[in-house]
Amino acid sequence: MFKKIIFLFLLIAVFLSVGLVYNKGKIQEEKIYHILDQLTLALDSELKSRQMDDLEMALFLSKNEGLVNALENDDEDLGYEILSDITNTIKENTSRRIRSQVITSEYNIFARSWDDIYAGMPIGDYRTDFEYFKTHDTPRASVEVGRRLGIKATVPIYKDDVFIGFTEVISFFKSMTEFFSSIGVDLYVLLDVKHTDTAVLMSENLTIENYVVSNRNYNYSHIQTLNTVDFKELKLNQVLYKDNKYIFYETMYDGSFKAIGAYIFVLPERYLDYFRNPEDDISFLINVTRSGLYDVIKEEKYEKNIYDRYSADSMVYLQDVIDKEDRELFLDEAYEKFDKYSKDELIQMMLERKIVKKIDGKIK
C-alpha cells in the first residue's frame, strides 16, 4: 500500500512537472510573438516619423522662391548655394543633418546639399518610384530603391501650373538602428539582392544569404549567426531561436507596396526579461523597461571598449561599416591590434579578405 501511495505521488508530480514545463513554454512563446508584434509597431512608428520629418523638410524647400527660380532658370550653381546654405544652417542650429536634392523634370540632378559634383547626372534609370508622379501631383514619402536604399520624401514643384522638377529629402536607417539598439534590439535592413543592379552604390556592402545589408551602423557581432540562418524558415515562421538569440523577420515594402527586402531584429535572450509579459496592460514604449535596459546597454557599450571582443581579422571587415564620426577610435584600436602581427602575417590577412558577394554595376 505504501509503495502504491509513493508511486501515485510520483505520478502526480511527473504530470504536474510536465504541465508546468508546457505552460511555461506556452507563456514564453506568447511573449516572443508579443514582442514581435510590438517591434513591428515600433518599426512602423519609426518609419512614419522619419518619413514625416523628411516630407516636412522637402515641402519647406519646395516653397523656397529662390530655389524654385534657380531651378526654372537652370542656374545649378545658385541652386547648390541656396540648398547647402539652408541645410548647413539647420545642422549648425539643431545638429540635424539633412540630405536634400533638387531634381529636374527630366529626372536629372539639379543640385544636392552635400556636394556640387554630379549636377546634370541622369538618375531616372535608378528611380522607378518616379513613375508614381506621372499620374499623381501629390508628395510621397516611402522606402525606395535608388542608387542606395533609403527613405525618400519627394515633392513635385509646379511654377504657374507647369511641372519643373522635385525637391527631395533622403535619409537612411541610422537613427532607426540607434533607436532599436537603445532597447536591446539590433536592426538589420536587408535589400533583396535582385535590386542591386539598381542600387549600384551598395555594391560593396556586406551580403547575408540573398540580401544586401543596407544600414551601415549595424551590430557586426550577430553577422555570423545570421549567415547560418535558414531565411526561408525565418520568413515562414517570423521568429527563430539560434545562438541564444531570438531573430525576428518583417517584410520590407516600397511605396508601391512591393516586397523589396526584410527588416531583421535580433534580441539576445539575456534581454528578454526587460520586456513585459503580453497580459500586462501597458503600452510598448513603457512595456519595455527602457531605463533599466538602457543602463545595461550603455554599460556594455561604453564602460568597456566596444572593440575588445573583435579580433584583428574581424577589424579588417569592420572598416567598411564604421561611421565617419567613429573612425578615429576604430583606427586607434585597429592599429593597436595589428601591431602584434608581423609584416608577413598582415599581408596574409589582407590576401584572405574577401567580400561575400561582388555585385557589378555601371552608371547608364
Protein backbone atom coordinates (compact mmCIF):
# COMPACT_ATOMS: atom_id res chain seq x y z
CA MET A 1 0.00 0.00 0.00
CA PHE A 2 2.80 2.38 0.91
CA LYS A 3 4.55 1.70 -2.42
CA LYS A 4 1.31 2.38 -4.29
CA ILE A 5 0.93 5.72 -2.49
CA ILE A 6 4.54 6.66 -3.29
CA PHE A 7 4.01 5.67 -6.93
CA LEU A 8 0.80 7.74 -7.10
CA PHE A 9 2.55 10.79 -5.65
CA LEU A 10 5.43 10.38 -8.09
CA LEU A 11 2.99 10.05 -10.98
CA ILE A 12 1.17 13.21 -9.90
CA ALA A 13 4.50 15.02 -9.51
CA VAL A 14 5.52 13.99 -13.04
CA PHE A 15 2.21 15.22 -14.50
CA LEU A 16 2.49 18.48 -12.60
CA SER A 17 6.09 18.97 -13.75
CA VAL A 18 5.19 18.26 -17.37
CA GLY A 19 2.22 20.61 -17.09
CA LEU A 20 4.32 23.38 -15.58
CA VAL A 21 7.02 23.00 -18.25
CA TYR A 22 4.39 23.01 -21.01
CA ASN A 23 2.64 26.03 -19.53
CA LYS A 24 5.94 27.89 -19.13
CA GLY A 25 6.78 27.11 -22.74
CA LYS A 26 3.42 28.42 -23.94
CA ILE A 27 3.81 31.61 -21.91
CA GLN A 28 7.32 32.08 -23.33
CA GLU A 29 6.07 31.52 -26.88
CA GLU A 30 3.25 34.02 -26.40
CA LYS A 31 5.72 36.54 -25.04
CA ILE A 32 8.05 36.10 -28.03
CA TYR A 33 5.25 36.69 -30.55
CA HIS A 34 4.01 39.60 -28.47
CA ILE A 35 7.50 41.13 -28.71
CA LEU A 36 7.41 40.59 -32.50
CA ASP A 37 4.08 42.45 -32.66
CA GLN A 38 5.43 45.32 -30.60
CA LEU A 39 8.67 45.53 -32.60
CA THR A 40 6.61 45.69 -35.79
CA LEU A 41 4.51 48.51 -34.34
CA ALA A 42 7.63 50.34 -33.23
CA LEU A 43 9.16 49.88 -36.70
CA ASP A 44 6.06 51.30 -38.37
CA SER A 45 6.10 54.23 -35.95
CA GLU A 46 9.78 54.96 -36.58
CA LEU A 47 9.37 54.72 -40.35
CA LYS A 48 6.38 57.06 -40.34
CA SER A 49 8.18 59.50 -38.06
CA ARG A 50 11.25 59.60 -40.34
CA GLN A 51 9.07 59.91 -43.43
CA MET A 52 7.04 62.77 -41.99
CA ASP A 53 10.13 64.64 -40.81
CA ASP A 54 11.71 64.32 -44.26
CA LEU A 55 8.50 65.22 -46.05
CA GLU A 56 8.09 68.31 -43.90
CA MET A 57 11.57 69.50 -44.91
CA ALA A 58 11.02 68.65 -48.60
CA LEU A 59 7.78 70.65 -48.58
CA PHE A 60 9.58 73.58 -46.96
CA LEU A 61 12.27 73.51 -49.65
CA SER A 62 9.69 73.31 -52.44
CA LYS A 63 8.29 76.67 -51.27
CA ASN A 64 11.68 78.43 -51.31
CA GLU A 65 11.25 81.03 -54.03
CA GLY A 66 14.98 81.43 -54.66
CA LEU A 67 15.46 77.69 -55.10
CA VAL A 68 12.45 77.38 -57.40
CA ASN A 69 13.62 80.32 -59.53
CA ALA A 70 17.13 78.83 -59.78
CA LEU A 71 15.61 75.55 -60.99
CA GLU A 72 13.39 77.35 -63.50
CA ASN A 73 16.39 79.32 -64.83
CA ASP A 74 18.66 76.24 -64.81
CA ASP A 75 21.16 78.02 -62.53
CA GLU A 76 22.81 74.98 -60.92
CA ASP A 77 25.46 76.95 -59.01
CA LEU A 78 22.84 79.16 -57.35
CA GLY A 79 20.69 76.12 -56.59
CA TYR A 80 23.58 74.40 -54.82
CA GLU A 81 24.44 77.59 -52.91
CA ILE A 82 20.87 78.04 -51.62
CA LEU A 83 20.34 74.37 -50.81
CA SER A 84 23.64 73.87 -48.99
CA ASP A 85 23.19 77.14 -47.07
CA ILE A 86 19.76 76.03 -45.77
CA THR A 87 20.93 72.56 -44.73
CA ASN A 88 24.14 73.88 -43.13
CA THR A 89 22.12 76.40 -41.11
CA ILE A 90 19.84 73.61 -39.89
CA LYS A 91 22.83 71.47 -38.95
CA GLU A 92 24.54 74.31 -37.04
CA ASN A 93 21.44 75.15 -35.03
CA THR A 94 19.81 71.75 -34.50
CA SER A 95 22.61 69.22 -35.15
CA ARG A 96 20.24 67.58 -37.63
CA ARG A 97 21.90 66.53 -40.86
CA ILE A 98 19.68 66.96 -43.91
CA ARG A 99 20.49 65.28 -47.22
CA SER A 100 18.45 67.11 -49.82
CA GLN A 101 18.49 67.35 -53.58
CA VAL A 102 16.60 69.09 -56.35
CA ILE A 103 15.78 67.07 -59.46
CA THR A 104 14.73 68.40 -62.86
CA SER A 105 11.57 67.37 -64.68
CA GLU A 106 13.81 65.21 -66.92
CA TYR A 107 14.99 63.29 -63.81
CA ASN A 108 18.47 64.81 -63.76
CA ILE A 109 20.24 66.03 -60.63
CA PHE A 110 19.99 69.81 -60.45
CA ALA A 111 21.57 70.40 -57.03
CA ARG A 112 22.48 68.38 -53.96
CA SER A 113 23.10 69.74 -50.48
CA TRP A 114 26.19 67.65 -49.80
CA ASP A 115 28.23 68.26 -53.00
CA ASP A 116 28.15 70.04 -56.35
CA ILE A 117 29.87 67.34 -58.40
CA TYR A 118 27.03 65.47 -60.08
CA ALA A 119 24.82 68.29 -61.35
CA GLY A 120 23.24 67.19 -64.63
CA MET A 121 23.60 63.48 -63.90
CA PRO A 122 20.54 61.45 -65.02
CA ILE A 123 19.04 59.25 -62.31
CA GLY A 124 15.77 58.18 -63.91
CA ASP A 125 17.08 54.66 -64.60
CA TYR A 126 17.58 54.11 -60.87
CA ARG A 127 14.30 55.58 -59.66
CA THR A 128 11.28 53.53 -60.65
CA ASP A 129 9.33 55.41 -57.96
CA PHE A 130 9.20 58.42 -60.29
CA GLU A 131 6.51 56.52 -62.23
CA TYR A 132 4.13 57.49 -59.42
CA PHE A 133 4.37 61.18 -60.40
CA LYS A 134 3.24 60.52 -63.95
CA THR A 135 -0.27 60.04 -62.58
CA HIS A 136 -0.10 61.94 -59.28
CA ASP A 137 0.81 65.53 -58.38
CA THR A 138 0.92 64.92 -54.62
CA PRO A 139 4.08 64.45 -52.50
CA ARG A 140 5.20 61.00 -51.43
CA ALA A 141 7.45 59.63 -48.67
CA SER A 142 8.41 55.97 -48.64
CA VAL A 143 11.25 53.46 -48.56
CA GLU A 144 12.58 53.27 -52.11
CA VAL A 145 15.40 51.69 -54.08
CA GLY A 146 17.65 54.21 -55.78
CA ARG A 147 21.38 54.06 -56.12
CA ARG A 148 21.08 53.32 -52.40
CA LEU A 149 18.12 52.04 -50.44
CA GLY A 150 16.67 54.78 -48.28
CA ILE A 151 13.67 56.79 -47.16
CA LYS A 152 12.86 59.32 -49.86
CA ALA A 153 10.44 62.20 -49.40
CA THR A 154 9.73 63.66 -52.83
CA VAL A 155 7.70 66.79 -53.58
CA PRO A 156 6.83 67.84 -57.16
CA ILE A 157 7.37 71.53 -57.94
CA TYR A 158 4.97 73.49 -60.14
CA LYS A 159 5.53 77.03 -61.43
CA ASP A 160 2.44 78.63 -62.96
CA ASP A 161 0.87 75.15 -63.12
CA VAL A 162 3.85 73.83 -65.09
CA PHE A 163 5.79 70.91 -63.61
CA ILE A 164 9.50 71.84 -63.38
CA GLY A 165 11.03 69.28 -61.04
CA PHE A 166 11.23 67.93 -57.49
CA THR A 167 12.64 68.73 -54.10
CA GLU A 168 13.66 65.65 -52.19
CA VAL A 169 14.99 64.77 -48.74
CA ILE A 170 16.75 61.45 -48.31
CA SER A 171 17.56 59.63 -45.10
CA PHE A 172 18.86 56.18 -44.37
CA PHE A 173 18.40 53.97 -41.33
CA LYS A 174 20.96 55.23 -38.80
CA SER A 175 18.53 56.80 -36.33
CA MET A 176 16.19 53.80 -36.50
CA THR A 177 19.07 51.42 -35.87
CA GLU A 178 20.15 53.52 -32.89
CA PHE A 179 16.59 53.59 -31.51
CA PHE A 180 16.25 49.80 -31.50
CA SER A 181 19.75 49.40 -30.14
CA SER A 182 18.74 51.57 -27.16
CA ILE A 183 16.14 48.97 -26.19
CA GLY A 184 18.47 45.99 -26.67
CA VAL A 185 17.36 45.03 -30.18
CA ASP A 186 19.70 45.05 -33.18
CA LEU A 187 18.17 46.01 -36.53
CA TYR A 188 19.38 44.84 -39.95
CA VAL A 189 17.82 46.42 -43.02
CA LEU A 190 18.19 43.90 -45.84
CA LEU A 191 17.59 44.62 -49.52
CA ASP A 192 16.85 41.69 -51.84
CA VAL A 193 19.96 41.14 -53.93
CA LYS A 194 17.91 41.23 -57.16
CA HIS A 195 17.63 45.01 -56.72
CA THR A 196 21.37 45.64 -56.64
CA ASP A 197 21.62 46.27 -60.36
CA THR A 198 19.81 49.49 -59.47
CA ALA A 199 21.41 50.09 -56.05
CA VAL A 200 24.91 50.42 -57.53
CA LEU A 201 26.28 52.38 -54.56
CA MET A 202 25.69 49.32 -52.37
CA SER A 203 27.86 47.02 -54.48
CA GLU A 204 30.48 46.73 -51.72
CA ASN A 205 28.02 46.27 -48.87
CA LEU A 206 28.02 43.07 -46.85
CA THR A 207 25.64 40.37 -48.05
CA ILE A 208 23.73 37.81 -45.99
CA GLU A 209 22.05 34.96 -47.86
CA ASN A 210 20.33 36.69 -50.80
CA TYR A 211 20.22 40.11 -49.17
CA VAL A 212 22.44 43.17 -49.03
CA VAL A 213 22.81 44.91 -45.65
CA SER A 214 21.61 48.49 -46.16
CA ASN A 215 22.14 50.16 -42.77
CA ARG A 216 25.81 50.92 -42.17
CA ASN A 217 25.72 51.12 -38.35
CA TYR A 218 24.53 47.58 -37.72
CA ASN A 219 25.92 45.40 -34.91
CA TYR A 220 28.61 43.23 -36.51
CA SER A 221 28.56 40.66 -33.69
CA HIS A 222 25.40 38.93 -34.98
CA ILE A 223 26.54 38.51 -38.59
CA GLN A 224 27.98 35.03 -38.04
CA THR A 225 24.65 33.88 -36.60
CA LEU A 226 22.64 35.43 -39.45
CA ASN A 227 24.88 33.72 -42.00
CA THR A 228 23.76 30.33 -40.63
CA VAL A 229 20.04 31.14 -40.56
CA ASP A 230 17.60 29.47 -42.96
CA PHE A 231 15.84 32.59 -44.26
CA LYS A 232 13.03 30.60 -45.87
CA GLU A 233 12.18 29.14 -42.47
CA LEU A 234 12.61 32.54 -40.80
CA LYS A 235 10.32 34.22 -43.33
CA LEU A 236 7.70 31.50 -42.86
CA ASN A 237 7.72 31.48 -39.04
CA GLN A 238 8.79 35.12 -38.49
CA VAL A 239 10.74 34.00 -35.39
CA LEU A 240 13.78 31.75 -34.92
CA TYR A 241 15.90 30.97 -31.88
CA LYS A 242 19.60 30.47 -32.53
CA ASP A 243 22.85 31.01 -30.60
CA ASN A 244 20.92 32.26 -27.54
CA LYS A 245 19.23 34.94 -29.67
CA TYR A 246 15.72 35.49 -30.91
CA ILE A 247 15.63 36.53 -34.57
CA PHE A 248 12.51 38.26 -35.93
CA TYR A 249 11.52 38.83 -39.56
CA GLU A 250 9.35 41.58 -41.05
CA THR A 251 8.90 42.09 -44.80
CA MET A 252 10.07 45.41 -46.27
CA TYR A 253 7.81 47.13 -48.79
CA ASP A 254 8.42 50.11 -51.06
CA GLY A 255 5.94 52.90 -51.75
CA SER A 256 4.04 50.72 -54.24
CA PHE A 257 3.70 48.02 -51.59
CA LYS A 258 6.09 45.72 -53.45
CA ALA A 259 8.24 43.46 -51.28
CA ILE A 260 11.88 44.51 -51.72
CA GLY A 261 13.62 43.02 -48.69
CA ALA A 262 13.32 42.49 -44.96
CA TYR A 263 13.82 44.07 -41.57
CA ILE A 264 15.59 41.64 -39.25
CA PHE A 265 15.58 42.14 -35.48
CA VAL A 266 17.99 40.28 -33.21
CA LEU A 267 17.19 40.14 -29.50
CA PRO A 268 19.76 38.42 -27.24
CA GLU A 269 17.97 36.13 -24.81
CA ARG A 270 19.56 37.88 -21.82
CA TYR A 271 17.45 40.97 -22.60
CA LEU A 272 14.15 39.08 -22.75
CA ASP A 273 13.20 39.81 -19.13
CA TYR A 274 13.25 43.55 -19.86
CA PHE A 275 10.12 43.07 -21.97
CA ARG A 276 6.92 42.67 -20.01
CA ASN A 277 4.56 39.75 -20.50
CA PRO A 278 1.70 40.12 -23.03
CA GLU A 279 -1.02 40.06 -20.38
CA ASP A 280 0.37 43.21 -18.76
CA ASP A 281 -1.93 46.10 -19.64
CA ILE A 282 0.72 48.63 -20.56
CA SER A 283 1.85 50.27 -23.80
CA PHE A 284 5.03 49.21 -25.60
CA LEU A 285 7.16 52.27 -25.03
CA ILE A 286 6.51 51.72 -21.35
CA ASN A 287 6.22 47.98 -21.95
CA VAL A 288 9.97 47.80 -22.32
CA THR A 289 11.53 48.82 -19.01
CA ARG A 290 13.73 51.12 -21.03
CA SER A 291 15.60 52.90 -18.27
CA GLY A 292 16.88 49.65 -16.81
CA LEU A 293 17.68 48.14 -20.18
CA TYR A 294 19.34 51.30 -21.43
CA ASP A 295 21.65 51.24 -18.43
CA VAL A 296 22.65 47.69 -19.32
CA ILE A 297 23.26 48.57 -22.97
CA LYS A 298 25.18 51.69 -22.04
CA GLU A 299 27.37 49.79 -19.61
CA GLU A 300 28.14 47.12 -22.19
CA LYS A 301 28.90 49.61 -24.95
CA TYR A 302 30.66 52.43 -23.16
CA GLU A 303 32.15 51.26 -19.89
CA LYS A 304 34.30 48.79 -21.76
CA ASN A 305 35.95 49.14 -25.12
CA ILE A 306 33.39 48.18 -27.77
CA TYR A 307 36.17 46.71 -29.96
CA ASP A 308 37.60 44.43 -27.27
CA ARG A 309 35.64 41.42 -28.47
CA TYR A 310 36.83 41.76 -32.08
CA SER A 311 39.98 40.10 -33.40
CA ALA A 312 42.36 41.89 -35.75
CA ASP A 313 40.99 39.78 -38.59
CA SER A 314 37.44 40.94 -37.80
CA MET A 315 38.61 44.56 -37.76
CA VAL A 316 39.58 44.21 -41.44
CA TYR A 317 35.90 43.65 -42.24
CA LEU A 318 34.61 46.22 -39.77
CA GLN A 319 36.41 49.08 -41.51
CA ASP A 320 33.74 49.11 -44.24
CA VAL A 321 30.86 49.81 -41.88
CA ILE A 322 32.29 52.30 -39.39
CA ASP A 323 30.70 55.75 -39.47
CA LYS A 324 32.98 58.74 -40.02
CA GLU A 325 32.47 60.06 -36.51
CA ASP A 326 33.62 56.72 -35.03
CA ARG A 327 36.51 56.16 -37.41
CA GLU A 328 39.26 57.75 -35.30
CA LEU A 329 38.55 55.49 -32.32
CA PHE A 330 38.26 52.48 -34.63
CA LEU A 331 41.62 53.15 -36.32
CA ASP A 332 43.38 53.61 -32.96
CA GLU A 333 42.10 50.24 -31.77
CA ALA A 334 42.82 48.55 -35.11
CA TYR A 335 46.44 49.79 -35.21
CA GLU A 336 46.97 48.53 -31.66
CA LYS A 337 45.74 45.06 -32.64
CA PHE A 338 47.70 44.99 -35.92
CA ASP A 339 50.94 45.97 -34.14
CA LYS A 340 51.02 42.49 -32.64
CA TYR A 341 51.36 40.86 -36.07
CA SER A 342 54.41 40.51 -38.30
CA LYS A 343 54.52 42.01 -41.78
CA ASP A 344 54.06 38.58 -43.40
CA GLU A 345 51.04 37.84 -41.18
CA LEU A 346 49.43 41.17 -42.10
CA ILE A 347 49.95 40.53 -45.82
CA GLN A 348 48.40 37.08 -45.49
CA MET A 349 45.45 38.55 -43.58
CA MET A 350 44.72 41.05 -46.36
CA LEU A 351 45.06 38.38 -49.07
CA GLU A 352 42.50 36.21 -47.32
CA ARG A 353 39.99 39.04 -47.02
CA LYS A 354 37.01 38.63 -49.31
CA ILE A 355 33.63 40.20 -49.94
CA VAL A 356 30.81 37.72 -49.52
CA LYS A 357 29.41 38.61 -52.91
CA LYS A 358 30.62 41.02 -55.57
CA ILE A 359 27.93 42.94 -57.43
CA ASP A 360 28.88 44.60 -60.69
CA GLY A 361 27.03 47.66 -61.87
CA LYS A 362 27.57 50.58 -64.18
CA ILE A 363 26.13 54.04 -64.44
CA LYS A 364 23.99 54.31 -67.54
